[in-house]
Amino acid sequence: MPRLTFRGVTIEQVCGMSERLVEQLASICECDSDNFTLECVQHPAVFGGKIVPAYPFVEVAWFERGDKIRDAVAAAVTTHVLGLGLPEVEVAFTTYSKDAYYSNGTSFK
């Protein structure tokens, strides 16, 4: 169920790295690749009164898996995004609480 939301990265770039990235993440998280969702947010960024390129930023929303796996996921995402020729990227994690997450009306707790 990890969901990766990309900002400052084009849809074409995400498509180009998606299969290899998801395979690596599935291996790290020890789950099936169909558990991952990748989304691209395309919006203008503004700085100094002008439209500027959005900063490369990836948000990973998931159930916590511990420091070791989180570090490995961050490293994998970083490697793939930098591999696109982008000079830098930030990765942030949003952790869901099982008691506050529902699927079809059923709590995950």
Protein backbone atom coordinates (compact mmCIF):
# COMPACT_ATOMS: atom_id res chain seq x y z
CA MET A 1 0.00 0.00 0.00
CA PRO A 2 2.84 2.44 -0.05
CA ARG A 3 1.89 5.45 -2.16
CA LEU A 4 4.63 7.57 -3.69
CA THR A 5 3.65 11.06 -4.78
CA PHE A 6 6.13 12.82 -7.06
CA ARG A 7 6.40 16.59 -7.45
CA GLY A 8 8.91 18.35 -9.68
CA VAL A 9 9.35 15.17 -11.73
CA THR A 10 7.52 14.75 -15.05
CA ILE A 11 5.03 12.00 -15.69
CA GLU A 12 7.29 10.70 -18.45
CA GLN A 13 10.24 10.53 -16.04
CA VAL A 14 8.21 8.64 -13.45
CA CYS A 15 6.92 6.24 -16.10
CA GLY A 16 10.47 5.61 -17.29
CA MET A 17 11.75 4.58 -13.87
CA SER A 18 8.54 3.12 -12.41
CA GLU A 19 9.04 -0.57 -13.16
CA ARG A 20 12.61 -0.78 -11.87
CA LEU A 21 11.81 1.39 -8.86
CA VAL A 22 8.75 -0.60 -7.85
CA GLU A 23 10.60 -3.91 -8.27
CA GLN A 24 13.34 -2.66 -5.97
CA LEU A 25 10.87 -1.27 -3.41
CA ALA A 26 8.90 -4.52 -3.38
CA SER A 27 12.11 -6.40 -2.66
CA ILE A 28 13.07 -3.99 0.13
CA CYS A 29 9.58 -4.09 1.71
CA GLU A 30 9.15 -7.84 1.09
CA CYS A 31 5.77 -7.39 -0.56
CA ASP A 32 4.24 -7.69 -4.02
CA SER A 33 4.86 -4.93 -6.54
CA ASP A 34 1.12 -4.39 -6.97
CA ASN A 35 1.03 -2.97 -3.44
CA PHE A 36 2.65 0.26 -4.67
CA THR A 37 0.91 3.28 -6.14
CA LEU A 38 2.86 6.01 -7.93
CA GLU A 39 1.26 9.41 -8.52
CA CYS A 40 2.51 12.56 -10.20
CA VAL A 41 1.40 15.99 -9.06
CA GLN A 42 1.88 18.52 -11.83
CA HIS A 43 1.46 22.10 -10.69
CA PRO A 44 3.27 25.39 -11.10
CA ALA A 45 5.68 26.49 -8.40
CA VAL A 46 6.04 30.17 -7.61
CA PHE A 47 9.07 32.01 -6.27
CA GLY A 48 9.77 35.72 -6.33
CA GLY A 49 6.56 36.46 -8.19
CA LYS A 50 7.49 34.12 -11.06
CA ILE A 51 6.61 30.60 -12.11
CA VAL A 52 9.66 28.38 -11.57
CA PRO A 53 10.36 24.67 -11.99
CA ALA A 54 9.03 22.68 -9.03
CA TYR A 55 11.62 21.23 -6.68
CA PRO A 56 11.96 17.42 -6.94
CA PHE A 57 10.13 16.03 -3.91
CA VAL A 58 8.77 12.55 -3.24
CA GLU A 59 6.32 11.80 -0.45
CA VAL A 60 6.00 8.17 0.64
CA ALA A 61 2.77 7.47 2.52
CA TRP A 62 2.71 4.08 4.22
CA PHE A 63 2.48 2.01 7.39
CA GLU A 64 5.77 2.29 9.29
CA ARG A 65 8.27 -0.48 8.56
CA GLY A 66 11.19 0.60 10.74
CA ASP A 67 14.37 2.61 10.27
CA LYS A 68 16.26 0.04 8.20
CA ILE A 69 13.51 -0.35 5.58
CA ARG A 70 12.70 3.39 5.58
CA ASP A 71 16.37 4.22 4.98
CA ALA A 72 16.57 1.66 2.14
CA VAL A 73 13.38 2.98 0.52
CA ALA A 74 14.65 6.57 0.74
CA ALA A 75 17.97 5.53 -0.80
CA ALA A 76 16.27 3.65 -3.65
CA VAL A 77 13.92 6.53 -4.47
CA THR A 78 16.81 9.00 -4.33
CA THR A 79 18.98 6.87 -6.62
CA HIS A 80 16.23 6.50 -9.22
CA VAL A 81 15.27 10.18 -9.22
CA LEU A 82 18.88 11.38 -9.40
CA GLY A 83 19.37 8.85 -12.19
CA LEU A 84 17.00 10.98 -14.25
CA GLY A 85 19.63 13.70 -14.32
CA LEU A 86 17.98 15.84 -11.66
CA PRO A 87 20.51 17.55 -9.40
CA GLU A 88 18.73 16.86 -6.10
CA VAL A 89 15.62 15.40 -4.51
CA GLU A 90 14.00 15.26 -1.10
CA VAL A 91 12.06 12.25 0.20
CA ALA A 92 9.62 12.51 3.11
CA PHE A 93 7.53 9.85 4.79
CA THR A 94 3.97 10.15 6.03
CA THR A 95 3.01 7.31 8.34
CA TYR A 96 -0.52 6.02 8.58
CA SER A 97 -1.92 4.70 11.83
CA LYS A 98 -3.69 1.35 11.39
CA ASP A 99 -6.55 2.43 13.66
CA ALA A 100 -7.17 5.49 11.44
CA TYR A 101 -6.93 3.67 8.08
CA TYR A 102 -9.95 2.00 6.52
CA SER A 103 -10.48 -0.10 3.43
CA ASN A 104 -14.07 -0.42 2.29
CA GLY A 105 -15.22 0.74 5.72
CA THR A 106 -13.09 -1.77 7.65
CA SER A 107 -10.36 -0.59 9.98
CA PHE A 108 -6.85 -2.01 9.62
CA LYS A 109 -6.41 -2.25 13.44
